[in-house]
C-alpha atoms as a PDB file:
ATOM      1  CA  UNK A   1     169.409 128.552  61.391  1.00  0.00           C
ATOM      2  CA  UNK A   2     165.843 126.748  62.097  1.00  0.00           C
ATOM      3  CA  UNK A   3     165.309 125.402  65.658  1.00  0.00           C
ATOM      4  CA  UNK A   4     163.419 121.772  65.096  1.00  0.00           C
ATOM      5  CA  UNK A   5     161.678 119.646  67.305  1.00  0.00           C
ATOM      6  CA  UNK A   6     161.887 116.026  66.488  1.00  0.00           C
ATOM      7  CA  UNK A   7     159.370 113.778  67.451  1.00  0.00           C
ATOM      8  CA  UNK A   8     160.446 110.092  66.644  1.00  0.00           C
ATOM      9  CA  UNK A   9     160.538 106.501  68.633  1.00  0.00           C
ATOM     10  CA  UNK A  10     163.351 104.884  66.230  1.00  0.00           C
ATOM     11  CA  UNK A  11     166.267 105.621  68.055  1.00  0.00           C
ATOM     12  CA  UNK A  12     168.607 104.714  65.051  1.00  0.00           C
ATOM     13  CA  UNK A  13     166.201 107.212  62.700  1.00  0.00           C
ATOM     14  CA  UNK A  14     165.955 109.869  65.616  1.00  0.00           C
ATOM     15  CA  UNK A  15     169.699 110.061  66.409  1.00  0.00           C
ATOM     16  CA  UNK A  16     170.314 110.218  62.368  1.00  0.00           C
ATOM     17  CA  UNK A  17     168.318 112.745  61.991  1.00  0.00           C
ATOM     18  CA  UNK A  18     168.927 114.909  64.767  1.00  0.00           C
ATOM     19  CA  UNK A  19     173.130 114.670  64.036  1.00  0.00           C
ATOM     20  CA  UNK A  20     172.323 115.239  60.844  1.00  0.00           C
ATOM     21  CA  UNK A  21     170.544 118.784  61.251  1.00  0.00           C
ATOM     22  CA  UNK A  22     173.079 119.468  63.799  1.00  0.00           C
ATOM     23  CA  UNK A  23     175.747 119.336  61.228  1.00  0.00           C
ATOM     24  CA  UNK A  24     174.212 121.674  59.000  1.00  0.00           C
ATOM     25  CA  UNK A  25     173.705 124.268  61.991  1.00  0.00           C
ATOM     26  CA  UNK A  26     170.038 123.876  63.258  1.00  0.00           C
ATOM     27  CA  UNK A  27     169.037 123.506  66.644  1.00  0.00           C
ATOM     28  CA  UNK A  28     167.413 120.334  67.358  1.00  0.00           C
ATOM     29  CA  UNK A  29     165.121 118.881  70.362  1.00  0.00           C
ATOM     30  CA  UNK A  30     164.443 115.001  70.005  1.00  0.00           C
ATOM     31  CA  UNK A  31     161.606 113.192  71.986  1.00  0.00           C
ATOM     32  CA  UNK A  32     160.746 109.700  71.565  1.00  0.00           C
ATOM     33  CA  UNK A  33     156.860 109.998  72.045  1.00  0.00           C
ATOM     34  CA  UNK A  34     154.226 112.250  71.356  1.00  0.00           C
ATOM     35  CA  UNK A  35     153.462 113.185  74.829  1.00  0.00           C
ATOM     36  CA  UNK A  36     157.431 114.098  75.318  1.00  0.00           C
ATOM     37  CA  UNK A  37     157.472 116.033  72.362  1.00  0.00           C
ATOM     38  CA  UNK A  38     153.988 118.225  73.412  1.00  0.00           C
ATOM     39  CA  UNK A  39     155.904 118.609  76.715  1.00  0.00           C
ATOM     40  CA  UNK A  40     158.574 120.013  75.468  1.00  0.00           C
ATOM     41  CA  UNK A  41     157.436 121.882  72.740  1.00  0.00           C
ATOM     42  CA  UNK A  42     156.643 125.629  75.455  1.00  0.00           C
ATOM     43  CA  UNK A  43     160.293 125.527  76.452  1.00  0.00           C
ATOM     44  CA  UNK A  44     161.734 124.706  73.280  1.00  0.00           C
ATOM     45  CA  UNK A  45     159.738 127.087  71.406  1.00  0.00           C
ATOM     46  CA  UNK A  46     160.841 125.312  67.520  1.00  0.00           C
ATOM     47  CA  UNK A  47     160.308 127.256  64.393  1.00  0.00           C
ATOM     48  CA  UNK A  48     158.963 124.040  62.991  1.00  0.00           C
ATOM     49  CA  UNK A  49     158.192 120.034  63.870  1.00  0.00           C
ATOM     50  CA  UNK A  50     159.475 117.020  62.493  1.00  0.00           C
ATOM     51  CA  UNK A  51     156.897 114.198  63.421  1.00  0.00           C
ATOM     52  CA  UNK A  52     156.468 110.647  63.021  1.00  0.00           C
ATOM     53  CA  UNK A  53     153.480 109.385  61.916  1.00  0.00           C
ATOM     54  CA  UNK A  54     154.232 106.011  63.828  1.00  0.00           C
ATOM     55  CA  UNK A  55     154.702 106.526  67.682  1.00  0.00           C
ATOM     56  CA  UNK A  56     153.819 104.579  70.417  1.00  0.00           C
ATOM     57  CA  UNK A  57     151.020 105.619  72.711  1.00  0.00           C
ATOM     58  CA  UNK A  58     149.344 109.243  71.049  1.00  0.00           C
ATOM     59  CA  UNK A  59     150.101 108.813  67.499  1.00  0.00           C
ATOM     60  CA  UNK A  60     151.844 111.501  64.963  1.00  0.00           C
ATOM     61  CA  UNK A  61     148.113 111.975  63.800  1.00  0.00           C
ATOM     62  CA  UNK A  62     146.895 112.502  67.459  1.00  0.00           C
ATOM     63  CA  UNK A  63     150.092 114.866  68.001  1.00  0.00           C
ATOM     64  CA  UNK A  64     149.454 116.873  64.678  1.00  0.00           C
ATOM     65  CA  UNK A  65     145.854 117.771  65.650  1.00  0.00           C
ATOM     66  CA  UNK A  66     146.453 119.087  69.254  1.00  0.00           C
ATOM     67  CA  UNK A  67     149.086 121.124  67.930  1.00  0.00           C
ATOM     68  CA  UNK A  68     146.915 122.813  65.188  1.00  0.00           C
ATOM     69  CA  UNK A  69     144.524 123.281  68.046  1.00  0.00           C
ATOM     70  CA  UNK A  70     146.653 126.443  69.532  1.00  0.00           C
ATOM     71  CA  UNK A  71     149.559 126.925  67.270  1.00  0.00           C
ATOM     72  CA  UNK A  72     150.261 127.179  63.359  1.00  0.00           C
ATOM     73  CA  UNK A  73     153.829 125.724  63.516  1.00  0.00           C
ATOM     74  CA  UNK A  74     154.694 124.359  60.373  1.00  0.00           C
ATOM     75  CA  UNK A  75     154.495 120.319  60.843  1.00  0.00           C
ATOM     76  CA  UNK A  76     156.180 118.083  58.229  1.00  0.00           C
ATOM     77  CA  UNK A  77     155.464 114.290  58.939  1.00  0.00           C
ATOM     78  CA  UNK A  78     157.849 111.282  58.593  1.00  0.00           C
ATOM     79  CA  UNK A  79     156.189 108.281  57.136  1.00  0.00           C
ATOM     80  CA  UNK A  80     157.215 104.595  56.387  1.00  0.00           C
ATOM     81  CA  UNK A  81     156.610 103.542  52.806  1.00  0.00           C
ATOM     82  CA  UNK A  82     153.058 102.546  52.038  1.00  0.00           C
ATOM     83  CA  UNK A  83     151.369 104.657  54.992  1.00  0.00           C
ATOM     84  CA  UNK A  84     149.011 106.143  52.491  1.00  0.00           C
ATOM     85  CA  UNK A  85     146.054 106.065  54.680  1.00  0.00           C
ATOM     86  CA  UNK A  86     147.939 107.596  57.506  1.00  0.00           C
ATOM     87  CA  UNK A  87     149.516 109.918  55.025  1.00  0.00           C
ATOM     88  CA  UNK A  88     146.209 111.719  53.982  1.00  0.00           C
ATOM     89  CA  UNK A  89     144.877 111.768  57.680  1.00  0.00           C
ATOM     90  CA  UNK A  90     147.812 113.318  58.559  1.00  0.00           C
ATOM     91  CA  UNK A  91     147.292 115.889  55.877  1.00  0.00           C
ATOM     92  CA  UNK A  92     143.951 116.291  56.973  1.00  0.00           C
ATOM     93  CA  UNK A  93     145.005 116.948  60.096  1.00  0.00           C
ATOM     94  CA  UNK A  94     147.216 119.973  59.418  1.00  0.00           C
ATOM     95  CA  UNK A  95     150.619 118.883  58.632  1.00  0.00           C
ATOM     96  CA  UNK A  96     151.955 120.980  55.443  1.00  0.00           C
ATOM     97  CA  UNK A  97     154.460 118.242  54.027  1.00  0.00           C
ATOM     98  CA  UNK A  98     155.496 114.777  54.578  1.00  0.00           C
ATOM     99  CA  UNK A  99     158.783 112.805  53.855  1.00  0.00           C
ATOM    100  CA  UNK A 100     159.023 109.177  53.151  1.00  0.00           C
ATOM    101  CA  UNK A 101     161.435 107.085  55.262  1.00  0.00           C
ATOM    102  CA  UNK A 102     164.553 106.590  54.650  1.00  0.00           C
ATOM    103  CA  UNK A 103     165.515 109.767  53.951  1.00  0.00           C
ATOM    104  CA  UNK A 104     168.903 111.397  53.582  1.00  0.00           C
ATOM    105  CA  UNK A 105     169.590 114.678  56.005  1.00  0.00           C
ATOM    106  CA  UNK A 106     169.853 117.068  52.818  1.00  0.00           C
ATOM    107  CA  UNK A 107     166.434 115.813  51.719  1.00  0.00           C
ATOM    108  CA  UNK A 108     165.056 116.464  55.044  1.00  0.00           C
ATOM    109  CA  UNK A 109     166.644 119.964  55.507  1.00  0.00           C
ATOM    110  CA  UNK A 110     165.285 121.002  51.675  1.00  0.00           C
ATOM    111  CA  UNK A 111     162.159 120.460  52.680  1.00  0.00           C
ATOM    112  CA  UNK A 112     162.551 122.345  55.853  1.00  0.00           C
ATOM    113  CA  UNK A 113     163.708 125.061  53.815  1.00  0.00           C
ATOM    114  CA  UNK A 114     160.776 125.017  51.792  1.00  0.00           C
ATOM    115  CA  UNK A 115     158.247 124.928  54.756  1.00  0.00           C
ATOM    116  CA  UNK A 116     159.882 127.761  56.372  1.00  0.00           C
ATOM    117  CA  UNK A 117     160.463 129.946  53.291  1.00  0.00           C
ATOM    118  CA  UNK A 118     158.629 132.956  53.034  1.00  0.00           C
ATOM    119  CA  UNK A 119     156.746 133.962  49.711  1.00  0.00           C
ATOM    120  CA  UNK A 120     158.652 137.030  49.360  1.00  0.00           C
ATOM    121  CA  UNK A 121     157.685 137.129  45.622  1.00  0.00           C
ATOM    122  CA  UNK A 122     153.869 137.303  45.896  1.00  0.00           C
ATOM    123  CA  UNK A 123     153.427 140.822  46.125  1.00  0.00           C
ATOM    124  CA  UNK A 124     155.722 141.634  43.290  1.00  0.00           C
ATOM    125  CA  UNK A 125     153.960 144.938  41.541  1.00  0.00           C
ATOM    126  CA  UNK A 126     150.501 144.526  43.898  1.00  0.00           C
ATOM    127  CA  UNK A 127     149.443 146.294  46.808  1.00  0.00           C
ATOM    128  CA  UNK A 128     150.266 145.125  49.889  1.00  0.00           C
ATOM    129  CA  UNK A 129     146.847 144.883  51.260  1.00  0.00           C
ATOM    130  CA  UNK A 130     144.388 143.428  48.895  1.00  0.00           C
ATOM    131  CA  UNK A 131     140.177 143.180  49.535  1.00  0.00           C
ATOM    132  CA  UNK A 132     138.759 140.065  47.613  1.00  0.00           C
ATOM    133  CA  UNK A 133     135.048 140.104  49.013  1.00  0.00           C
ATOM    134  CA  UNK A 134     135.575 139.399  52.545  1.00  0.00           C
ATOM    135  CA  UNK A 135     138.748 138.417  52.740  1.00  0.00           C
ATOM    136  CA  UNK A 136     141.708 140.924  53.259  1.00  0.00           C
ATOM    137  CA  UNK A 137     145.111 139.885  52.506  1.00  0.00           C
ATOM    138  CA  UNK A 138     148.209 141.511  53.751  1.00  0.00           C
ATOM    139  CA  UNK A 139     151.035 140.608  51.540  1.00  0.00           C
ATOM    140  CA  UNK A 140     153.636 142.114  53.480  1.00  0.00           C
ATOM    141  CA  UNK A 141     152.225 141.231  56.877  1.00  0.00           C
ATOM    142  CA  UNK A 142     151.565 137.685  55.623  1.00  0.00           C
ATOM    143  CA  UNK A 143     147.914 137.803  57.458  1.00  0.00           C
ATOM    144  CA  UNK A 144     144.427 136.971  56.386  1.00  0.00           C
ATOM    145  CA  UNK A 145     141.183 137.934  57.740  1.00  0.00           C
ATOM    146  CA  UNK A 146     137.776 137.327  56.886  1.00  0.00           C
ATOM    147  CA  UNK A 147     135.129 140.154  57.199  1.00  0.00           C
ATOM    148  CA  UNK A 148     137.702 141.865  59.932  1.00  0.00           C
ATOM    149  CA  UNK A 149     138.461 138.560  62.008  1.00  0.00           C
ATOM    150  CA  UNK A 150     141.600 136.943  61.793  1.00  0.00           C
ATOM    151  CA  UNK A 151     142.293 133.742  60.357  1.00  0.00           C
ATOM    152  CA  UNK A 152     144.821 131.097  61.514  1.00  0.00           C
ATOM    153  CA  UNK A 153     146.210 129.946  58.919  1.00  0.00           C
ATOM    154  CA  UNK A 154     149.008 126.965  58.329  1.00  0.00           C
ATOM    155  CA  UNK A 155     151.960 128.124  56.246  1.00  0.00           C
ATOM    156  CA  UNK A 156     151.299 125.865  53.455  1.00  0.00           C
ATOM    157  CA  UNK A 157     147.812 127.236  53.483  1.00  0.00           C
ATOM    158  CA  UNK A 158     148.968 130.985  53.375  1.00  0.00           C
ATOM    159  CA  UNK A 159     151.481 130.212  51.009  1.00  0.00           C
ATOM    160  CA  UNK A 160     148.742 128.700  48.693  1.00  0.00           C
ATOM    161  CA  UNK A 161     146.251 131.474  49.201  1.00  0.00           C
ATOM    162  CA  UNK A 162     149.079 134.409  48.496  1.00  0.00           C
ATOM    163  CA  UNK A 163     150.081 132.312  45.112  1.00  0.00           C
ATOM    164  CA  UNK A 164     146.330 131.628  44.093  1.00  0.00           C
ATOM    165  CA  UNK A 165     145.543 135.402  44.771  1.00  0.00           C
ATOM    166  CA  UNK A 166     148.350 136.843  42.893  1.00  0.00           C
ATOM    167  CA  UNK A 167     146.995 136.040  39.595  1.00  0.00           C
ATOM    168  CA  UNK A 168     143.091 136.026  40.314  1.00  0.00           C
ATOM    169  CA  UNK A 169     141.253 133.750  37.601  1.00  0.00           C
ATOM    170  CA  UNK A 170     144.449 131.922  36.328  1.00  0.00           C
ATOM    171  CA  UNK A 171     144.110 128.322  36.238  1.00  0.00           C
ATOM    172  CA  UNK A 172     146.966 126.109  37.758  1.00  0.00           C
ATOM    173  CA  UNK A 173     147.472 122.712  38.112  1.00  0.00           C
ATOM    174  CA  UNK A 174     148.072 120.793  40.773  1.00  0.00           C
ATOM    175  CA  UNK A 175     151.739 120.109  39.788  1.00  0.00           C
ATOM    176  CA  UNK A 176     152.234 123.516  39.362  1.00  0.00           C
ATOM    177  CA  UNK A 177     151.332 124.593  42.974  1.00  0.00           C
ATOM    178  CA  UNK A 178     153.486 121.511  43.843  1.00  0.00           C
ATOM    179  CA  UNK A 179     156.426 123.581  42.272  1.00  0.00           C
ATOM    180  CA  UNK A 180     155.683 126.979  43.354  1.00  0.00           C
ATOM    181  CA  UNK A 181     153.954 126.856  47.029  1.00  0.00           C
ATOM    182  CA  UNK A 182     155.754 123.320  48.090  1.00  0.00           C
ATOM    183  CA  UNK A 183     158.969 123.911  46.333  1.00  0.00           C
ATOM    184  CA  UNK A 184     158.686 120.036  44.855  1.00  0.00           C
ATOM    185  CA  UNK A 185     160.450 120.415  41.368  1.00  0.00           C
ATOM    186  CA  UNK A 186     159.745 116.543  40.660  1.00  0.00           C
ATOM    187  CA  UNK A 187     156.670 114.749  40.195  1.00  0.00           C
ATOM    188  CA  UNK A 188     155.105 114.888  43.427  1.00  0.00           C
ATOM    189  CA  UNK A 189     151.615 113.669  45.736  1.00  0.00           C
ATOM    190  CA  UNK A 190     149.108 115.961  44.223  1.00  0.00           C
ATOM    191  CA  UNK A 191     147.516 115.214  47.726  1.00  0.00           C
ATOM    192  CA  UNK A 192     149.674 117.514  49.448  1.00  0.00           C
ATOM    193  CA  UNK A 193     147.483 120.221  47.303  1.00  0.00           C
ATOM    194  CA  UNK A 194     144.258 118.544  47.880  1.00  0.00           C
ATOM    195  CA  UNK A 195     144.709 118.142  51.464  1.00  0.00           C
ATOM    196  CA  UNK A 196     145.611 121.753  51.234  1.00  0.00           C
ATOM    197  CA  UNK A 197     143.005 123.356  49.794  1.00  0.00           C
ATOM    198  CA  UNK A 198     140.090 121.492  51.715  1.00  0.00           C
ATOM    199  CA  UNK A 199     141.767 122.943  54.989  1.00  0.00           C
ATOM    200  CA  UNK A 200     141.963 126.542  53.478  1.00  0.00           C
ATOM    201  CA  UNK A 201     138.277 126.269  52.001  1.00  0.00           C
ATOM    202  CA  UNK A 202     137.316 125.151  55.704  1.00  0.00           C
ATOM    203  CA  UNK A 203     138.684 128.796  56.762  1.00  0.00           C
ATOM    204  CA  UNK A 204     138.038 131.218  54.469  1.00  0.00           C
ATOM    205  CA  UNK A 205     134.272 130.039  52.715  1.00  0.00           C
ATOM    206  CA  UNK A 206     131.161 130.049  53.775  1.00  0.00           C
ATOM    207  CA  UNK A 207     130.619 126.895  52.795  1.00  0.00           C
ATOM    208  CA  UNK A 208     133.441 125.000  51.889  1.00  0.00           C
ATOM    209  CA  UNK A 209     131.159 122.524  49.312  1.00  0.00           C
ATOM    210  CA  UNK A 210     130.224 126.037  47.290  1.00  0.00           C
ATOM    211  CA  UNK A 211     133.686 127.677  46.971  1.00  0.00           C
ATOM    212  CA  UNK A 212     133.617 131.779  46.547  1.00  0.00           C
ATOM    213  CA  UNK A 213     137.185 131.975  46.555  1.00  0.00           C
ATOM    214  CA  UNK A 214     139.317 128.768  45.885  1.00  0.00           C
ATOM    215  CA  UNK A 215     137.730 127.118  42.935  1.00  0.00           C
ATOM    216  CA  UNK A 216     138.066 123.793  41.204  1.00  0.00           C
ATOM    217  CA  UNK A 217     138.466 123.409  37.411  1.00  0.00           C
ATOM    218  CA  UNK A 218     137.861 119.180  37.087  1.00  0.00           C
ATOM    219  CA  UNK A 219     140.624 118.219  34.828  1.00  0.00           C
ATOM    220  CA  UNK A 220     142.830 121.718  34.883  1.00  0.00           C
ATOM    221  CA  UNK A 221     143.583 122.239  38.749  1.00  0.00           C
ATOM    222  CA  UNK A 222     142.390 125.360  41.005  1.00  0.00           C
ATOM    223  CA  UNK A 223     142.374 129.133  40.452  1.00  0.00           C
ATOM    224  CA  UNK A 224     140.750 132.285  42.655  1.00  0.00           C
ATOM    225  CA  UNK A 225     138.122 133.726  41.906  1.00  0.00           C
ATOM    226  CA  UNK A 226     135.886 135.268  40.226  1.00  0.00           C
ATOM    227  CA  UNK A 227     134.103 136.529  42.832  1.00  0.00           C
END
């Protein structure tokens, strides 16, 4: 099972989530502050970060930004109901998904599995390595390069690119992308898609405001190309 680093300042939430995940076989390290969580990362080497937004001292958004400066570690934010502004900021900072507290352990585990799951069906019937303009996509090695330079993509960004590029020119609605990329089978928050598209464009496009690869069709959704 996965190694989860939990950063949560509420003792009852921290203990409940930690116990629930341990019972399901995950190895969990818990920290009460952002500073303590960042200090634990190098030694614990987690597979995923479960991060509360509202932390004393260094808040969750600041932690998320620091992690993204040096790592593409999967990040799921924990947020209280009504923290819509902070959710948007957290997604823009690089979080892959978020969960509204309180949440059952099975919901948290399902989100963890979804974020960690590889898109092993994205390359069926397609070449392992594809070239789209300046982009090279390695579907087997799960690597992307632009003009020969490797790109560091967060899990949600890579999954989104793999899904869109598997069907060039096909338009996907936000709900379709939530279902296929995030494994959210219910009506979920389209901000996950929009924030991820914005981050991905910032990495693969020459000009994010004039996208060549991930294009918007207003009123319909997103598509890859045509180049």
